[in-house]
């Protein structure tokens, strides 16, 4: 079931939550809506679900070409999973999952069919031995999987997840991320999930929609948005990046600038792992810098350096093996070489 969003605008008083947003999600795809708080991602998800409505006359929502803009949430056949589970505390796991089926006024399945569907879903989310438990007897990760099973019980056409792992600790989040990716490969249900966690989106999504200030900045596969950011915001939001003043760099120290030109007051964007650190040698190409700090706890060493000419701080990342080979010490003078960098022809505020 594909999802199309056409020119949606949503305001709350003087605040603009969505400004002419359009999006197309392919059938069976796992799509992440990624962005900082206030970027509009949850509002967009709720409008797709029918829990919110766009400003009058501002656009349309379609499911596989069928217009559902004015269709109520309960009739859109959408499964919605909230961040804080929203499970009924007085009901067992079985009763929570069966709830959406039992309250149907039309087309309510027989009891035996409901029971069969619930047990199949419990097996699908790998919790088939917990049917008689209550929510307070479950871990956070288990509760989130029960909430997902409940959303799937009504056989939705589209599954929507709003910060599904936001209330969980880091270790459980990672476990559930891997589980959700594998789970999606089994069911192939069109799924959109909201997150502000870049690692989460890049790890499990087929496509990432990056939002900022009520608009979509870029849409692409995880590799596309990380390797080829469309805007300075995307570059800085997806992982660590150095923003260097082009005028402060010596000629020949960086790769050629993109066609379109870089103004003298422009900036160069380079990720820490794309900076090569070499011993200083008079006359050799590179940006002279002084090593100020070494953080070597972990699989890679993070170096904080200060450019000699501009006094700007630069962060570089090298392997522990390379750090040992170079024999670097604090206050050493070194040269920095940019393996890969990016500039933007337009002048952006940093």
Protein backbone atom coordinates (compact mmCIF):
# COMPACT_ATOMS: atom_id res chain seq x y z
CA UNK A 1 0.00 0.00 0.00
CA UNK A 2 1.71 3.19 -1.17
CA UNK A 3 1.20 6.53 0.59
CA UNK A 4 1.15 9.91 -1.14
CA UNK A 5 1.12 13.27 0.62
CA UNK A 6 0.37 16.30 -1.55
CA UNK A 7 1.11 19.90 -0.50
CA UNK A 8 0.11 19.57 3.15
CA UNK A 9 0.12 22.64 5.35
CA UNK A 10 -0.66 22.66 9.06
CA UNK A 11 -0.65 25.60 11.45
CA UNK A 12 -1.41 25.86 15.16
CA UNK A 13 -2.29 29.52 15.65
CA UNK A 14 0.77 31.51 14.55
CA UNK A 15 2.99 28.41 14.55
CA UNK A 16 3.58 26.59 11.26
CA UNK A 17 4.05 22.85 11.82
CA UNK A 18 4.08 21.85 8.14
CA UNK A 19 4.74 24.17 5.20
CA UNK A 20 3.62 22.75 1.84
CA UNK A 21 4.95 19.21 2.45
CA UNK A 22 4.74 16.54 -0.26
CA UNK A 23 5.96 12.96 0.03
CA UNK A 24 5.60 9.62 -1.74
CA UNK A 25 6.19 6.32 0.09
CA UNK A 26 6.43 3.11 -1.94
CA UNK A 27 4.40 0.04 -1.07
CA UNK A 28 6.10 -2.31 1.41
CA UNK A 29 8.78 0.23 2.28
CA UNK A 30 10.14 1.05 5.74
CA UNK A 31 10.46 4.84 5.83
CA UNK A 32 11.93 6.96 8.61
CA UNK A 33 10.75 10.52 9.29
CA UNK A 34 13.89 11.96 10.84
CA UNK A 35 14.47 15.41 12.29
CA UNK A 36 14.94 17.49 15.42
CA UNK A 37 12.10 18.28 17.81
CA UNK A 38 9.63 20.69 16.25
CA UNK A 39 10.52 19.81 12.66
CA UNK A 40 6.98 18.58 11.88
CA UNK A 41 7.57 14.83 11.63
CA UNK A 42 5.01 13.72 14.26
CA UNK A 43 2.40 16.15 12.91
CA UNK A 44 2.88 14.67 9.43
CA UNK A 45 2.51 11.13 10.80
CA UNK A 46 -0.69 12.05 12.67
CA UNK A 47 -2.18 13.66 9.55
CA UNK A 48 -1.45 10.50 7.55
CA UNK A 49 -3.17 8.51 10.33
CA UNK A 50 -6.19 10.82 10.40
CA UNK A 51 -5.54 11.85 14.01
CA UNK A 52 -4.93 15.43 12.82
CA UNK A 53 -6.21 17.26 9.76
CA UNK A 54 -4.28 19.60 7.50
CA UNK A 55 -5.36 23.21 7.13
CA UNK A 56 -8.50 23.48 5.05
CA UNK A 57 -7.81 23.25 1.33
CA UNK A 58 -4.07 22.77 1.79
CA UNK A 59 -3.56 19.32 0.26
CA UNK A 60 -4.51 15.67 -0.05
CA UNK A 61 -3.59 12.27 1.44
CA UNK A 62 -3.79 9.18 -0.75
CA UNK A 63 -3.39 5.49 0.00
CA UNK A 64 -2.44 3.65 -3.19
CA UNK A 65 -4.10 6.38 -5.26
CA UNK A 66 -7.30 6.43 -3.18
CA UNK A 67 -8.06 9.80 -1.58
CA UNK A 68 -8.45 9.43 2.20
CA UNK A 69 -8.08 13.10 3.13
CA UNK A 70 -11.56 13.35 4.60
CA UNK A 71 -11.79 9.77 5.85
CA UNK A 72 -11.90 9.36 9.63
CA UNK A 73 -8.96 7.67 11.38
CA UNK A 74 -10.96 4.56 12.25
CA UNK A 75 -11.83 4.00 8.59
CA UNK A 76 -8.33 4.44 7.14
CA UNK A 77 -7.14 0.97 8.21
CA UNK A 78 -3.98 2.36 9.76
CA UNK A 79 -2.11 0.78 12.65
CA UNK A 80 -0.61 3.35 15.03
CA UNK A 81 2.00 2.60 17.72
CA UNK A 82 2.66 5.34 20.28
CA UNK A 83 5.93 6.02 22.08
CA UNK A 84 4.51 5.17 25.51
CA UNK A 85 2.75 1.94 24.43
CA UNK A 86 -0.80 3.04 25.51
CA UNK A 87 -1.60 -0.48 26.67
CA UNK A 88 -4.64 -1.06 28.88
CA UNK A 89 -3.24 -1.84 32.32
CA UNK A 90 -6.28 -3.81 33.50
CA UNK A 91 -6.19 -6.12 30.48
CA UNK A 92 -3.94 -9.11 29.85
CA UNK A 93 -1.58 -9.20 26.89
CA UNK A 94 -4.10 -11.34 25.01
CA UNK A 95 -6.95 -8.92 25.75
CA UNK A 96 -4.86 -5.90 24.70
CA UNK A 97 -4.07 -7.40 21.32
CA UNK A 98 -7.66 -8.59 20.77
CA UNK A 99 -9.21 -5.25 21.78
CA UNK A 100 -9.40 -3.69 18.31
CA UNK A 101 -11.14 -6.77 16.93
CA UNK A 102 -13.62 -7.20 19.78
CA UNK A 103 -14.91 -3.61 19.67
CA UNK A 104 -15.79 -3.74 15.99
CA UNK A 105 -19.45 -3.11 15.31
CA UNK A 106 -19.21 -4.43 11.78
CA UNK A 107 -17.28 -7.43 10.52
CA UNK A 108 -16.28 -8.56 14.01
CA UNK A 109 -14.61 -11.97 13.67
CA UNK A 110 -15.85 -14.97 15.70
CA UNK A 111 -14.16 -15.56 19.06
CA UNK A 112 -12.23 -18.54 17.75
CA UNK A 113 -10.85 -16.52 14.84
CA UNK A 114 -9.86 -13.67 17.18
CA UNK A 115 -8.03 -16.09 19.45
CA UNK A 116 -6.24 -17.68 16.52
CA UNK A 117 -5.13 -14.29 15.18
CA UNK A 118 -3.90 -13.10 18.58
CA UNK A 119 -1.81 -16.25 19.10
CA UNK A 120 -0.31 -15.95 15.62
CA UNK A 121 0.65 -12.33 16.35
CA UNK A 122 2.16 -13.26 19.70
CA UNK A 123 4.29 -15.84 17.93
CA UNK A 124 5.24 -13.27 15.27
CA UNK A 125 6.52 -10.82 17.90
CA UNK A 126 8.19 -13.71 19.75
CA UNK A 127 6.11 -13.37 22.94
CA UNK A 128 3.72 -16.30 22.57
CA UNK A 129 4.33 -17.42 26.18
CA UNK A 130 3.08 -14.14 27.71
CA UNK A 131 -0.59 -14.13 26.71
CA UNK A 132 -1.87 -14.16 30.31
CA UNK A 133 0.52 -11.53 31.68
CA UNK A 134 -0.47 -7.94 32.47
CA UNK A 135 1.48 -4.93 31.08
CA UNK A 136 3.12 -4.16 34.45
CA UNK A 137 4.66 -7.64 34.40
CA UNK A 138 6.51 -6.96 31.13
CA UNK A 139 9.74 -5.16 30.31
CA UNK A 140 9.67 -1.97 28.24
CA UNK A 141 10.82 -3.82 25.13
CA UNK A 142 8.15 -6.49 25.57
CA UNK A 143 5.43 -3.86 26.03
CA UNK A 144 6.48 -2.14 22.83
CA UNK A 145 6.23 -5.42 20.91
CA UNK A 146 2.76 -6.04 22.37
CA UNK A 147 1.71 -2.54 21.25
CA UNK A 148 2.96 -3.44 17.77
CA UNK A 149 1.02 -6.72 17.78
CA UNK A 150 -2.14 -4.86 18.82
CA UNK A 151 -1.71 -2.44 15.92
CA UNK A 152 -1.30 -5.37 13.50
CA UNK A 153 -4.34 -7.25 14.82
CA UNK A 154 -6.77 -5.12 12.83
CA UNK A 155 -4.83 -5.93 9.62
CA UNK A 156 -3.86 -2.36 8.75
CA UNK A 157 -2.87 -1.25 5.27
CA UNK A 158 -0.22 1.06 6.70
CA UNK A 159 1.73 0.88 9.97
CA UNK A 160 2.72 4.14 11.68
CA UNK A 161 5.18 4.29 14.60
CA UNK A 162 5.73 7.48 16.61
CA UNK A 163 9.15 7.36 18.33
CA UNK A 164 8.57 3.64 19.02
CA UNK A 165 11.76 3.17 21.04
CA UNK A 166 12.00 6.61 22.63
CA UNK A 167 11.08 5.45 26.15
CA UNK A 168 13.61 2.62 26.22
CA UNK A 169 17.20 2.52 27.37
CA UNK A 170 20.04 2.43 24.82
CA UNK A 171 20.70 -1.32 24.96
CA UNK A 172 17.03 -2.27 24.52
CA UNK A 173 16.68 0.30 21.72
CA UNK A 174 19.48 -1.38 19.76
CA UNK A 175 17.97 -4.82 20.26
CA UNK A 176 14.53 -3.67 19.12
CA UNK A 177 15.98 -1.84 16.11
CA UNK A 178 17.47 -5.07 14.80
CA UNK A 179 14.26 -6.90 15.65
CA UNK A 180 12.07 -4.36 13.80
CA UNK A 181 14.25 -4.56 10.68
CA UNK A 182 13.97 -8.36 10.63
CA UNK A 183 10.26 -8.18 11.48
CA UNK A 184 9.61 -5.81 8.58
CA UNK A 185 11.40 -8.13 6.16
CA UNK A 186 8.90 -10.83 7.16
CA UNK A 187 5.67 -8.83 6.88
CA UNK A 188 6.56 -6.24 4.16
CA UNK A 189 3.89 -3.85 5.41
CA UNK A 190 4.24 -0.21 4.38
CA UNK A 191 5.67 1.39 7.51
CA UNK A 192 6.52 4.96 8.52
CA UNK A 193 8.26 5.65 11.78
CA UNK A 194 9.19 8.91 13.45
CA UNK A 195 12.55 9.29 15.14
CA UNK A 196 15.07 11.96 16.08
CA UNK A 197 17.81 9.31 16.38
CA UNK A 198 20.05 9.46 13.30
CA UNK A 199 21.68 6.10 13.94
CA UNK A 200 18.28 4.47 14.30
CA UNK A 201 17.01 5.84 10.99
CA UNK A 202 20.17 5.03 9.04
CA UNK A 203 20.34 1.49 10.43
CA UNK A 204 16.84 0.17 9.77
CA UNK A 205 15.07 2.34 7.16
CA UNK A 206 14.83 1.68 3.42
CA UNK A 207 14.35 5.41 2.91
CA UNK A 208 14.98 8.40 5.14
CA UNK A 209 12.94 11.62 5.03
CA UNK A 210 14.88 14.39 6.76
CA UNK A 211 12.72 17.23 8.08
CA UNK A 212 13.63 20.64 9.46
CA UNK A 213 11.54 23.70 10.31
CA UNK A 214 8.28 22.33 8.88
CA UNK A 215 9.80 21.26 5.56
CA UNK A 216 11.47 18.26 3.98
CA UNK A 217 15.19 18.87 3.44
CA UNK A 218 16.06 15.61 1.64
CA UNK A 219 14.67 12.17 0.81
CA UNK A 220 16.89 9.20 -0.03
CA UNK A 221 18.35 5.90 1.03
CA UNK A 222 20.47 5.95 4.20
CA UNK A 223 23.65 5.85 2.12
CA UNK A 224 22.47 8.64 -0.20
CA UNK A 225 21.59 11.10 2.55
CA UNK A 226 24.78 10.35 4.50
CA UNK A 227 27.22 10.37 1.56
CA UNK A 228 25.53 13.07 -0.51
CA UNK A 229 23.79 15.56 1.81
CA UNK A 230 21.65 18.04 -0.10
CA UNK A 231 22.01 20.92 2.37
CA UNK A 232 24.32 22.07 5.18
CA UNK A 233 21.61 21.13 7.68
CA UNK A 234 21.56 17.50 6.50
CA UNK A 235 25.36 17.36 6.60
CA UNK A 236 25.45 18.57 10.19
CA UNK A 237 22.44 16.58 11.40
CA UNK A 238 23.70 13.22 10.17
CA UNK A 239 26.80 12.60 12.23
CA UNK A 240 29.75 14.74 13.25
CA UNK A 241 31.06 17.29 10.79
CA UNK A 242 33.65 20.06 10.76
CA UNK A 243 32.54 23.37 9.28
CA UNK A 244 35.66 25.20 8.15
CA UNK A 245 35.99 28.67 6.69
CA UNK A 246 37.25 28.27 3.15
CA UNK A 247 39.14 31.55 3.24
CA UNK A 248 41.20 30.28 6.17
CA UNK A 249 42.47 27.20 4.32
CA UNK A 250 45.69 27.23 2.36
CA UNK A 251 45.39 26.56 -1.39
CA UNK A 252 45.81 22.92 -2.33
CA UNK A 253 44.84 21.47 1.04
CA UNK A 254 41.33 20.37 0.02
CA UNK A 255 39.78 18.60 -2.99
CA UNK A 256 38.42 20.80 -5.81
CA UNK A 257 35.22 22.62 -4.93
CA UNK A 258 31.95 21.57 -6.60
CA UNK A 259 30.85 23.27 -9.79
CA UNK A 260 28.88 26.37 -8.90
CA UNK A 261 31.69 27.94 -6.99
CA UNK A 262 32.53 28.63 -3.40
CA UNK A 263 32.42 32.24 -2.30
CA UNK A 264 35.36 33.63 -0.33
CA UNK A 265 33.11 33.78 2.75
CA UNK A 266 31.79 30.22 2.19
CA UNK A 267 32.37 27.08 4.19
CA UNK A 268 33.76 23.59 3.70
CA UNK A 269 32.10 20.57 5.31
CA UNK A 270 34.21 17.55 6.15
CA UNK A 271 33.54 14.60 8.45
CA UNK A 272 36.18 13.68 11.06
CA UNK A 273 36.93 10.29 9.48
CA UNK A 274 37.62 12.02 6.14
CA UNK A 275 40.59 13.91 7.58
CA UNK A 276 44.06 12.40 7.24
CA UNK A 277 46.54 13.35 9.97
CA UNK A 278 50.26 13.28 9.00
CA UNK A 279 53.44 14.51 10.68
CA UNK A 280 54.29 18.11 9.92
CA UNK A 281 56.81 18.67 7.15
CA UNK A 282 57.82 22.11 5.90
CA UNK A 283 56.49 22.74 2.40
CA UNK A 284 54.27 19.64 2.34
CA UNK A 285 50.58 20.06 1.44
CA UNK A 286 48.14 20.18 4.32
CA UNK A 287 46.59 22.40 6.96
CA UNK A 288 49.02 23.05 9.82
CA UNK A 289 47.39 22.24 13.16
CA UNK A 290 48.33 21.57 16.78
CA UNK A 291 47.05 18.47 18.56
CA UNK A 292 45.19 19.58 21.71
CA UNK A 293 43.34 16.48 22.93
CA UNK A 294 43.26 12.71 22.33
CA UNK A 295 40.26 10.54 23.21
CA UNK A 296 41.28 6.93 22.60
CA UNK A 297 38.66 4.99 24.61
CA UNK A 298 36.82 3.00 21.97
CA UNK A 299 37.42 1.43 18.55
CA UNK A 300 38.75 4.69 17.07
CA UNK A 301 40.75 7.63 18.37
CA UNK A 302 39.13 11.08 18.28
CA UNK A 303 41.55 13.97 17.99
CA UNK A 304 40.84 17.62 18.74
CA UNK A 305 43.17 19.96 16.85
CA UNK A 306 43.62 23.70 16.47
CA UNK A 307 44.47 25.22 13.11
CA UNK A 308 47.63 27.31 13.30
CA UNK A 309 46.44 30.16 11.04
CA UNK A 310 42.75 30.53 11.90
CA UNK A 311 42.77 29.06 15.45
CA UNK A 312 39.64 27.11 14.47
CA UNK A 313 39.02 23.77 16.16
CA UNK A 314 38.99 20.65 14.00
CA UNK A 315 37.99 17.13 15.00
CA UNK A 316 39.58 14.14 13.29
CA UNK A 317 39.02 10.42 13.72
CA UNK A 318 41.71 7.82 13.08
CA UNK A 319 42.19 4.17 13.98
CA UNK A 320 43.92 3.17 17.20
CA UNK A 321 46.56 1.44 15.05
CA UNK A 322 47.19 4.67 13.12
CA UNK A 323 47.44 6.65 16.35
CA UNK A 324 50.10 4.28 17.65
CA UNK A 325 51.97 4.31 14.32
CA UNK A 326 52.11 8.11 14.26
CA UNK A 327 53.23 8.27 17.88
CA UNK A 328 51.22 11.47 18.40
CA UNK A 329 51.55 13.47 21.60
CA UNK A 330 49.68 16.51 22.88
CA UNK A 331 50.87 19.83 21.36
CA UNK A 332 52.47 18.06 18.37
CA UNK A 333 52.42 20.06 15.14
CA UNK A 334 50.78 18.05 12.33
CA UNK A 335 49.28 18.48 8.86
CA UNK A 336 45.61 17.80 8.03
CA UNK A 337 44.58 16.61 4.57
CA UNK A 338 40.95 16.40 3.49
CA UNK A 339 40.18 13.14 1.70
CA UNK A 340 36.61 14.15 0.93
CA UNK A 341 34.83 17.42 1.59
CA UNK A 342 31.82 19.34 0.39
CA UNK A 343 30.95 22.96 -0.18
CA UNK A 344 27.68 24.61 -1.16
CA UNK A 345 27.44 27.35 -3.77
CA UNK A 346 24.75 29.10 -1.76
CA UNK A 347 25.78 31.05 1.31
CA UNK A 348 24.22 29.51 4.42
CA UNK A 349 24.20 30.81 7.96
CA UNK A 350 26.09 28.48 10.27
